[in-house]
Amino acid sequence: LGGEEFCFVRPGVDAVGARRLAEAI
């Protein structure tokens, strides 16, 4: 998005799956 800022979007995941993905990143 600019500078040192990024965006990651994943469709089809709930909050549990989102936390798992964020931790993997």
mmCIF file of all heavy atoms, coordinates in Angstrom:
data_MODEL
# 
_entry.id   MODEL 
# 
loop_
_atom_site.group_PDB 
_atom_site.id 
_atom_site.type_symbol 
_atom_site.label_atom_id 
_atom_site.label_alt_id 
_atom_site.label_comp_id 
_atom_site.label_asym_id 
_atom_site.label_entity_id 
_atom_site.label_seq_id 
_atom_site.pdbx_PDB_ins_code 
_atom_site.Cartn_x 
_atom_site.Cartn_y 
_atom_site.Cartn_z 
_atom_site.occupancy 
_atom_site.B_iso_or_equiv 
_atom_site.pdbx_formal_charge 
_atom_site.auth_seq_id 
_atom_site.auth_comp_id 
_atom_site.auth_asym_id 
_atom_site.auth_atom_id 
_atom_site.pdbx_PDB_model_num 
ATOM 1   N N   . LEU A 1 1  ? 0.811   -1.210  0.000  1.00 0.00 ? 1  LEU A N   1 
ATOM 2   C CA  . LEU A 1 1  ? 0.000   0.000   0.000  1.00 0.00 ? 1  LEU A CA  1 
ATOM 3   C C   . LEU A 1 1  ? 0.846   1.262   0.000  1.00 0.00 ? 1  LEU A C   1 
ATOM 4   O O   . LEU A 1 1  ? 0.354   2.343   -0.313 1.00 0.00 ? 1  LEU A O   1 
ATOM 5   C CB  . LEU A 1 1  ? -0.942  0.004   1.210  1.00 0.00 ? 1  LEU A CB  1 
ATOM 6   C CG  . LEU A 1 1  ? -1.909  -1.185  1.283  1.00 0.00 ? 1  LEU A CG  1 
ATOM 7   C CD1 . LEU A 1 1  ? -2.839  -1.019  2.475  1.00 0.00 ? 1  LEU A CD1 1 
ATOM 8   C CD2 . LEU A 1 1  ? -2.703  -1.331  0.003  1.00 0.00 ? 1  LEU A CD2 1 
ATOM 9   N N   . GLY A 1 2  ? 2.119   1.123   0.332  1.00 0.00 ? 2  GLY A N   1 
ATOM 10  C CA  . GLY A 1 2  ? 3.005   2.272   0.382  1.00 0.00 ? 2  GLY A CA  1 
ATOM 11  C C   . GLY A 1 2  ? 3.977   2.144   1.536  1.00 0.00 ? 2  GLY A C   1 
ATOM 12  O O   . GLY A 1 2  ? 3.632   1.577   2.580  1.00 0.00 ? 2  GLY A O   1 
ATOM 13  N N   . GLY A 1 3  ? 5.200   2.661   1.364  1.00 0.00 ? 3  GLY A N   1 
ATOM 14  C CA  . GLY A 1 3  ? 6.182   2.578   2.434  1.00 0.00 ? 3  GLY A CA  1 
ATOM 15  C C   . GLY A 1 3  ? 6.404   1.143   2.854  1.00 0.00 ? 3  GLY A C   1 
ATOM 16  O O   . GLY A 1 3  ? 6.646   0.261   2.033  1.00 0.00 ? 3  GLY A O   1 
ATOM 17  N N   . GLU A 1 4  ? 6.290   0.903   4.168  1.00 0.00 ? 4  GLU A N   1 
ATOM 18  C CA  . GLU A 1 4  ? 6.480   -0.453  4.693  1.00 0.00 ? 4  GLU A CA  1 
ATOM 19  C C   . GLU A 1 4  ? 5.153   -1.107  5.038  1.00 0.00 ? 4  GLU A C   1 
ATOM 20  O O   . GLU A 1 4  ? 5.098   -2.052  5.836  1.00 0.00 ? 4  GLU A O   1 
ATOM 21  C CB  . GLU A 1 4  ? 7.385   -0.412  5.935  1.00 0.00 ? 4  GLU A CB  1 
ATOM 22  C CG  . GLU A 1 4  ? 6.812   0.314   7.139  1.00 0.00 ? 4  GLU A CG  1 
ATOM 23  C CD  . GLU A 1 4  ? 7.154   1.810   7.157  1.00 0.00 ? 4  GLU A CD  1 
ATOM 24  O OE1 . GLU A 1 4  ? 7.328   2.402   6.073  1.00 0.00 ? 4  GLU A OE1 1 
ATOM 25  O OE2 . GLU A 1 4  ? 7.249   2.375   8.260  1.00 0.00 ? 4  GLU A OE2 1 
ATOM 26  N N   . GLU A 1 5  ? 4.061   -0.640  4.441  1.00 0.00 ? 5  GLU A N   1 
ATOM 27  C CA  . GLU A 1 5  ? 2.725   -1.128  4.769  1.00 0.00 ? 5  GLU A CA  1 
ATOM 28  C C   . GLU A 1 5  ? 2.201   -2.032  3.653  1.00 0.00 ? 5  GLU A C   1 
ATOM 29  O O   . GLU A 1 5  ? 2.264   -1.700  2.468  1.00 0.00 ? 5  GLU A O   1 
ATOM 30  C CB  . GLU A 1 5  ? 1.780   0.048   4.968  1.00 0.00 ? 5  GLU A CB  1 
ATOM 31  C CG  . GLU A 1 5  ? 0.454   -0.344  5.589  1.00 0.00 ? 5  GLU A CG  1 
ATOM 32  C CD  . GLU A 1 5  ? -0.361  0.865   5.972  1.00 0.00 ? 5  GLU A CD  1 
ATOM 33  O OE1 . GLU A 1 5  ? -0.727  1.637   5.061  1.00 0.00 ? 5  GLU A OE1 1 
ATOM 34  O OE2 . GLU A 1 5  ? -0.622  1.051   7.180  1.00 0.00 ? 5  GLU A OE2 1 
ATOM 35  N N   . PHE A 1 6  ? 1.651   -3.193  4.053  1.00 0.00 ? 6  PHE A N   1 
ATOM 36  C CA  . PHE A 1 6  ? 1.137   -4.178  3.104  1.00 0.00 ? 6  PHE A CA  1 
ATOM 37  C C   . PHE A 1 6  ? -0.297  -4.535  3.472  1.00 0.00 ? 6  PHE A C   1 
ATOM 38  O O   . PHE A 1 6  ? -0.751  -4.283  4.593  1.00 0.00 ? 6  PHE A O   1 
ATOM 39  C CB  . PHE A 1 6  ? 1.996   -5.454  3.129  1.00 0.00 ? 6  PHE A CB  1 
ATOM 40  C CG  . PHE A 1 6  ? 3.415   -5.257  2.710  1.00 0.00 ? 6  PHE A CG  1 
ATOM 41  C CD1 . PHE A 1 6  ? 4.369   -4.807  3.623  1.00 0.00 ? 6  PHE A CD1 1 
ATOM 42  C CD2 . PHE A 1 6  ? 3.814   -5.512  1.402  1.00 0.00 ? 6  PHE A CD2 1 
ATOM 43  C CE1 . PHE A 1 6  ? 5.691   -4.615  3.244  1.00 0.00 ? 6  PHE A CE1 1 
ATOM 44  C CE2 . PHE A 1 6  ? 5.134   -5.334  1.022  1.00 0.00 ? 6  PHE A CE2 1 
ATOM 45  C CZ  . PHE A 1 6  ? 6.069   -4.880  1.932  1.00 0.00 ? 6  PHE A CZ  1 
ATOM 46  N N   . CYS A 1 7  ? -0.969  -5.160  2.513  1.00 0.00 ? 7  CYS A N   1 
ATOM 47  C CA  . CYS A 1 7  ? -2.336  -5.617  2.714  1.00 0.00 ? 7  CYS A CA  1 
ATOM 48  C C   . CYS A 1 7  ? -2.420  -7.067  2.247  1.00 0.00 ? 7  CYS A C   1 
ATOM 49  O O   . CYS A 1 7  ? -1.846  -7.430  1.217  1.00 0.00 ? 7  CYS A O   1 
ATOM 50  C CB  . CYS A 1 7  ? -3.305  -4.729  1.919  1.00 0.00 ? 7  CYS A CB  1 
ATOM 51  S SG  . CYS A 1 7  ? -5.022  -5.278  1.933  1.00 0.00 ? 7  CYS A SG  1 
ATOM 52  N N   . PHE A 1 8  ? -3.126  -7.901  3.013  1.00 0.00 ? 8  PHE A N   1 
ATOM 53  C CA  . PHE A 1 8  ? -3.313  -9.306  2.651  1.00 0.00 ? 8  PHE A CA  1 
ATOM 54  C C   . PHE A 1 8  ? -4.795  -9.626  2.874  1.00 0.00 ? 8  PHE A C   1 
ATOM 55  O O   . PHE A 1 8  ? -5.306  -9.476  3.975  1.00 0.00 ? 8  PHE A O   1 
ATOM 56  C CB  . PHE A 1 8  ? -2.439  -10.197 3.539  1.00 0.00 ? 8  PHE A CB  1 
ATOM 57  C CG  . PHE A 1 8  ? -2.226  -11.598 3.010  1.00 0.00 ? 8  PHE A CG  1 
ATOM 58  C CD1 . PHE A 1 8  ? -0.954  -12.068 2.749  1.00 0.00 ? 8  PHE A CD1 1 
ATOM 59  C CD2 . PHE A 1 8  ? -3.297  -12.455 2.783  1.00 0.00 ? 8  PHE A CD2 1 
ATOM 60  C CE1 . PHE A 1 8  ? -0.737  -13.356 2.256  1.00 0.00 ? 8  PHE A CE1 1 
ATOM 61  C CE2 . PHE A 1 8  ? -3.098  -13.737 2.297  1.00 0.00 ? 8  PHE A CE2 1 
ATOM 62  C CZ  . PHE A 1 8  ? -1.812  -14.191 2.038  1.00 0.00 ? 8  PHE A CZ  1 
ATOM 63  N N   . VAL A 1 9  ? -5.472  -10.076 1.820  1.00 0.00 ? 9  VAL A N   1 
ATOM 64  C CA  . VAL A 1 9  ? -6.904  -10.389 1.919  1.00 0.00 ? 9  VAL A CA  1 
ATOM 65  C C   . VAL A 1 9  ? -7.111  -11.834 1.478  1.00 0.00 ? 9  VAL A C   1 
ATOM 66  O O   . VAL A 1 9  ? -6.618  -12.239 0.426  1.00 0.00 ? 9  VAL A O   1 
ATOM 67  C CB  . VAL A 1 9  ? -7.757  -9.456  1.038  1.00 0.00 ? 9  VAL A CB  1 
ATOM 68  C CG1 . VAL A 1 9  ? -9.253  -9.745  1.248  1.00 0.00 ? 9  VAL A CG1 1 
ATOM 69  C CG2 . VAL A 1 9  ? -7.449  -7.992  1.331  1.00 0.00 ? 9  VAL A CG2 1 
ATOM 70  N N   . ARG A 1 10 ? -7.851  -12.589 2.303  1.00 0.00 ? 10 ARG A N   1 
ATOM 71  C CA  . ARG A 1 10 ? -8.200  -13.961 1.941  1.00 0.00 ? 10 ARG A CA  1 
ATOM 72  C C   . ARG A 1 10 ? -9.703  -14.151 2.066  1.00 0.00 ? 10 ARG A C   1 
ATOM 73  O O   . ARG A 1 10 ? -10.259 -14.011 3.163  1.00 0.00 ? 10 ARG A O   1 
ATOM 74  C CB  . ARG A 1 10 ? -7.471  -14.979 2.794  1.00 0.00 ? 10 ARG A CB  1 
ATOM 75  C CG  . ARG A 1 10 ? -7.930  -16.432 2.499  1.00 0.00 ? 10 ARG A CG  1 
ATOM 76  C CD  . ARG A 1 10 ? -7.004  -17.455 3.103  1.00 0.00 ? 10 ARG A CD  1 
ATOM 77  N NE  . ARG A 1 10 ? -5.695  -17.440 2.471  1.00 0.00 ? 10 ARG A NE  1 
ATOM 78  C CZ  . ARG A 1 10 ? -4.666  -18.226 2.819  1.00 0.00 ? 10 ARG A CZ  1 
ATOM 79  N NH1 . ARG A 1 10 ? -4.825  -19.088 3.818  1.00 0.00 ? 10 ARG A NH1 1 
ATOM 80  N NH2 . ARG A 1 10 ? -3.510  -18.152 2.189  1.00 0.00 ? 10 ARG A NH2 1 
ATOM 81  N N   . PRO A 1 11 ? -10.371 -14.484 0.963  1.00 0.00 ? 11 PRO A N   1 
ATOM 82  C CA  . PRO A 1 11 ? -11.809 -14.754 1.033  1.00 0.00 ? 11 PRO A CA  1 
ATOM 83  C C   . PRO A 1 11 ? -12.087 -16.152 1.571  1.00 0.00 ? 11 PRO A C   1 
ATOM 84  O O   . PRO A 1 11 ? -11.248 -17.051 1.497  1.00 0.00 ? 11 PRO A O   1 
ATOM 85  C CB  . PRO A 1 11 ? -12.247 -14.646 -0.439 1.00 0.00 ? 11 PRO A CB  1 
ATOM 86  C CG  . PRO A 1 11 ? -11.030 -15.001 -1.220 1.00 0.00 ? 11 PRO A CG  1 
ATOM 87  C CD  . PRO A 1 11 ? -9.849  -14.526 -0.411 1.00 0.00 ? 11 PRO A CD  1 
ATOM 88  N N   . GLY A 1 12 ? -13.276 -16.312 2.161  1.00 0.00 ? 12 GLY A N   1 
ATOM 89  C CA  . GLY A 1 12 ? -13.726 -17.642 2.561  1.00 0.00 ? 12 GLY A CA  1 
ATOM 90  C C   . GLY A 1 12 ? -13.213 -18.144 3.894  1.00 0.00 ? 12 GLY A C   1 
ATOM 91  O O   . GLY A 1 12 ? -13.362 -19.334 4.187  1.00 0.00 ? 12 GLY A O   1 
ATOM 92  N N   . VAL A 1 13 ? -12.576 -17.277 4.716  1.00 0.00 ? 13 VAL A N   1 
ATOM 93  C CA  . VAL A 1 13 ? -12.091 -17.717 6.024  1.00 0.00 ? 13 VAL A CA  1 
ATOM 94  C C   . VAL A 1 13 ? -12.840 -16.980 7.129  1.00 0.00 ? 13 VAL A C   1 
ATOM 95  O O   . VAL A 1 13 ? -13.206 -15.812 6.985  1.00 0.00 ? 13 VAL A O   1 
ATOM 96  C CB  . VAL A 1 13 ? -10.572 -17.480 6.189  1.00 0.00 ? 13 VAL A CB  1 
ATOM 97  C CG1 . VAL A 1 13 ? -9.791  -18.351 5.238  1.00 0.00 ? 13 VAL A CG1 1 
ATOM 98  C CG2 . VAL A 1 13 ? -10.206 -16.016 6.028  1.00 0.00 ? 13 VAL A CG2 1 
ATOM 99  N N   . ASP A 1 14 ? -13.080 -17.697 8.226  1.00 0.00 ? 14 ASP A N   1 
ATOM 100 C CA  . ASP A 1 14 ? -13.691 -17.057 9.392  1.00 0.00 ? 14 ASP A CA  1 
ATOM 101 C C   . ASP A 1 14 ? -12.599 -16.498 10.293 1.00 0.00 ? 14 ASP A C   1 
ATOM 102 O O   . ASP A 1 14 ? -11.402 -16.515 9.929  1.00 0.00 ? 14 ASP A O   1 
ATOM 103 C CB  . ASP A 1 14 ? -14.575 -18.045 10.150 1.00 0.00 ? 14 ASP A CB  1 
ATOM 104 C CG  . ASP A 1 14 ? -13.810 -19.296 10.600 1.00 0.00 ? 14 ASP A CG  1 
ATOM 105 O OD1 . ASP A 1 14 ? -12.553 -19.279 10.569 1.00 0.00 ? 14 ASP A OD1 1 
ATOM 106 O OD2 . ASP A 1 14 ? -14.466 -20.292 10.976 1.00 0.00 ? 14 ASP A OD2 1 
ATOM 107 N N   . ALA A 1 15 ? -12.962 -16.016 11.472 1.00 0.00 ? 15 ALA A N   1 
ATOM 108 C CA  . ALA A 1 15 ? -11.994 -15.376 12.362 1.00 0.00 ? 15 ALA A CA  1 
ATOM 109 C C   . ALA A 1 15 ? -10.911 -16.357 12.812 1.00 0.00 ? 15 ALA A C   1 
ATOM 110 O O   . ALA A 1 15 ? -9.741  -15.984 12.955 1.00 0.00 ? 15 ALA A O   1 
ATOM 111 C CB  . ALA A 1 15 ? -12.707 -14.780 13.571 1.00 0.00 ? 15 ALA A CB  1 
ATOM 112 N N   . VAL A 1 16 ? -11.285 -17.623 13.006 1.00 0.00 ? 16 VAL A N   1 
ATOM 113 C CA  . VAL A 1 16 ? -10.299 -18.617 13.422 1.00 0.00 ? 16 VAL A CA  1 
ATOM 114 C C   . VAL A 1 16 ? -9.273  -18.833 12.313 1.00 0.00 ? 16 VAL A C   1 
ATOM 115 O O   . VAL A 1 16 ? -8.053  -18.861 12.539 1.00 0.00 ? 16 VAL A O   1 
ATOM 116 C CB  . VAL A 1 16 ? -10.980 -19.943 13.795 1.00 0.00 ? 16 VAL A CB  1 
ATOM 117 C CG1 . VAL A 1 16 ? -9.946  -21.030 14.083 1.00 0.00 ? 16 VAL A CG1 1 
ATOM 118 C CG2 . VAL A 1 16 ? -11.900 -19.742 14.996 1.00 0.00 ? 16 VAL A CG2 1 
ATOM 119 N N   . GLY A 1 17 ? -9.755  -18.990 11.116 1.00 0.00 ? 17 GLY A N   1 
ATOM 120 C CA  . GLY A 1 17 ? -8.848  -19.178 9.984  1.00 0.00 ? 17 GLY A CA  1 
ATOM 121 C C   . GLY A 1 17 ? -7.991  -17.937 9.735  1.00 0.00 ? 17 GLY A C   1 
ATOM 122 O O   . GLY A 1 17 ? -6.818  -18.039 9.356  1.00 0.00 ? 17 GLY A O   1 
ATOM 123 N N   . ALA A 1 18 ? -8.579  -16.755 9.965  1.00 0.00 ? 18 ALA A N   1 
ATOM 124 C CA  . ALA A 1 18 ? -7.832  -15.518 9.776  1.00 0.00 ? 18 ALA A CA  1 
ATOM 125 C C   . ALA A 1 18 ? -6.695  -15.407 10.776 1.00 0.00 ? 18 ALA A C   1 
ATOM 126 O O   . ALA A 1 18 ? -5.576  -14.996 10.436 1.00 0.00 ? 18 ALA A O   1 
ATOM 127 C CB  . ALA A 1 18 ? -8.771  -14.319 9.904  1.00 0.00 ? 18 ALA A CB  1 
ATOM 128 N N   . ARG A 1 19 ? -6.968  -15.799 12.029 1.00 0.00 ? 19 ARG A N   1 
ATOM 129 C CA  . ARG A 1 19 ? -5.900  -15.736 13.042 1.00 0.00 ? 19 ARG A CA  1 
ATOM 130 C C   . ARG A 1 19 ? -4.790  -16.732 12.704 1.00 0.00 ? 19 ARG A C   1 
ATOM 131 O O   . ARG A 1 19 ? -3.607  -16.432 12.875 1.00 0.00 ? 19 ARG A O   1 
ATOM 132 C CB  . ARG A 1 19 ? -6.472  -16.017 14.429 1.00 0.00 ? 19 ARG A CB  1 
ATOM 133 C CG  . ARG A 1 19 ? -5.429  -15.908 15.544 1.00 0.00 ? 19 ARG A CG  1 
ATOM 134 C CD  . ARG A 1 19 ? -6.058  -16.023 16.905 1.00 0.00 ? 19 ARG A CD  1 
ATOM 135 N NE  . ARG A 1 19 ? -6.929  -14.917 17.223 1.00 0.00 ? 19 ARG A NE  1 
ATOM 136 C CZ  . ARG A 1 19 ? -6.511  -13.727 17.673 1.00 0.00 ? 19 ARG A CZ  1 
ATOM 137 N NH1 . ARG A 1 19 ? -5.209  -13.508 17.833 1.00 0.00 ? 19 ARG A NH1 1 
ATOM 138 N NH2 . ARG A 1 19 ? -7.372  -12.787 17.933 1.00 0.00 ? 19 ARG A NH2 1 
ATOM 139 N N   . ARG A 1 20 ? -5.165  -17.899 12.233 1.00 0.00 ? 20 ARG A N   1 
ATOM 140 C CA  . ARG A 1 20 ? -4.168  -18.901 11.862 1.00 0.00 ? 20 ARG A CA  1 
ATOM 141 C C   . ARG A 1 20 ? -3.287  -18.381 10.718 1.00 0.00 ? 20 ARG A C   1 
ATOM 142 O O   . ARG A 1 20 ? -2.065  -18.533 10.732 1.00 0.00 ? 20 ARG A O   1 
ATOM 143 C CB  . ARG A 1 20 ? -4.875  -20.191 11.445 1.00 0.00 ? 20 ARG A CB  1 
ATOM 144 C CG  . ARG A 1 20 ? -3.926  -21.366 11.226 1.00 0.00 ? 20 ARG A CG  1 
ATOM 145 C CD  . ARG A 1 20 ? -4.687  -22.626 10.824 1.00 0.00 ? 20 ARG A CD  1 
ATOM 146 N NE  . ARG A 1 20 ? -5.635  -23.019 11.856 1.00 0.00 ? 20 ARG A NE  1 
ATOM 147 C CZ  . ARG A 1 20 ? -6.957  -23.063 11.688 1.00 0.00 ? 20 ARG A CZ  1 
ATOM 148 N NH1 . ARG A 1 20 ? -7.499  -22.752 10.522 1.00 0.00 ? 20 ARG A NH1 1 
ATOM 149 N NH2 . ARG A 1 20 ? -7.743  -23.441 12.678 1.00 0.00 ? 20 ARG A NH2 1 
ATOM 150 N N   . LEU A 1 21 ? -3.909  -17.737 9.708  1.00 0.00 ? 21 LEU A N   1 
ATOM 151 C CA  . LEU A 1 21 ? -3.148  -17.187 8.587  1.00 0.00 ? 21 LEU A CA  1 
ATOM 152 C C   . LEU A 1 21 ? -2.248  -16.046 9.048  1.00 0.00 ? 21 LEU A C   1 
ATOM 153 O O   . LEU A 1 21 ? -1.064  -15.986 8.669  1.00 0.00 ? 21 LEU A O   1 
ATOM 154 C CB  . LEU A 1 21 ? -4.108  -16.682 7.501  1.00 0.00 ? 21 LEU A CB  1 
ATOM 155 C CG  . LEU A 1 21 ? -3.479  -15.908 6.339  1.00 0.00 ? 21 LEU A CG  1 
ATOM 156 C CD1 . LEU A 1 21 ? -2.484  -16.779 5.574  1.00 0.00 ? 21 LEU A CD1 1 
ATOM 157 C CD2 . LEU A 1 21 ? -4.568  -15.371 5.403  1.00 0.00 ? 21 LEU A CD2 1 
ATOM 158 N N   . ALA A 1 22 ? -2.772  -15.160 9.873  1.00 0.00 ? 22 ALA A N   1 
ATOM 159 C CA  . ALA A 1 22 ? -1.975  -14.031 10.359 1.00 0.00 ? 22 ALA A CA  1 
ATOM 160 C C   . ALA A 1 22 ? -0.757  -14.521 11.145 1.00 0.00 ? 22 ALA A C   1 
ATOM 161 O O   . ALA A 1 22 ? 0.349   -13.977 11.005 1.00 0.00 ? 22 ALA A O   1 
ATOM 162 C CB  . ALA A 1 22 ? -2.841  -13.108 11.218 1.00 0.00 ? 22 ALA A CB  1 
ATOM 163 N N   . GLU A 1 23 ? -0.937  -15.548 11.940 1.00 0.00 ? 23 GLU A N   1 
ATOM 164 C CA  . GLU A 1 23 ? 0.185   -16.088 12.709 1.00 0.00 ? 23 GLU A CA  1 
ATOM 165 C C   . GLU A 1 23 ? 1.215   -16.729 11.783 1.00 0.00 ? 23 GLU A C   1 
ATOM 166 O O   . GLU A 1 23 ? 2.436   -16.610 12.018 1.00 0.00 ? 23 GLU A O   1 
ATOM 167 C CB  . GLU A 1 23 ? -0.325  -17.107 13.729 1.00 0.00 ? 23 GLU A CB  1 
ATOM 168 C CG  . GLU A 1 23 ? 0.769   -17.789 14.544 1.00 0.00 ? 23 GLU A CG  1 
ATOM 169 C CD  . GLU A 1 23 ? 1.672   -16.813 15.287 1.00 0.00 ? 23 GLU A CD  1 
ATOM 170 O OE1 . GLU A 1 23 ? 1.202   -15.720 15.657 1.00 0.00 ? 23 GLU A OE1 1 
ATOM 171 O OE2 . GLU A 1 23 ? 2.874   -17.152 15.482 1.00 0.00 ? 23 GLU A OE2 1 
ATOM 172 N N   . ALA A 1 24 ? 0.759   -17.395 10.731 1.00 0.00 ? 24 ALA A N   1 
ATOM 173 C CA  . ALA A 1 24 ? 1.696   -17.989 9.776  1.00 0.00 ? 24 ALA A CA  1 
ATOM 174 C C   . ALA A 1 24 ? 2.523   -16.907 9.089  1.00 0.00 ? 24 ALA A C   1 
ATOM 175 O O   . ALA A 1 24 ? 3.730   -17.069 8.880  1.00 0.00 ? 24 ALA A O   1 
ATOM 176 C CB  . ALA A 1 24 ? 0.928   -18.810 8.732  1.00 0.00 ? 24 ALA A CB  1 
ATOM 177 N N   . ILE A 1 25 ? 1.892   -15.794 8.773  1.00 0.00 ? 25 ILE A N   1 
ATOM 178 C CA  . ILE A 1 25 ? 2.613   -14.679 8.144  1.00 0.00 ? 25 ILE A CA  1 
ATOM 179 C C   . ILE A 1 25 ? 3.605   -14.074 9.127  1.00 0.00 ? 25 ILE A C   1 
ATOM 180 O O   . ILE A 1 25 ? 4.774   -13.836 8.795  1.00 0.00 ? 25 ILE A O   1 
ATOM 181 C CB  . ILE A 1 25 ? 1.614   -13.621 7.642  1.00 0.00 ? 25 ILE A CB  1 
ATOM 182 C CG1 . ILE A 1 25 ? 0.777   -14.172 6.485  1.00 0.00 ? 25 ILE A CG1 1 
ATOM 183 C CG2 . ILE A 1 25 ? 2.345   -12.352 7.215  1.00 0.00 ? 25 ILE A CG2 1 
ATOM 184 C CD1 . ILE A 1 25 ? -0.377  -13.268 6.073  1.00 0.00 ? 25 ILE A CD1 1 
# 
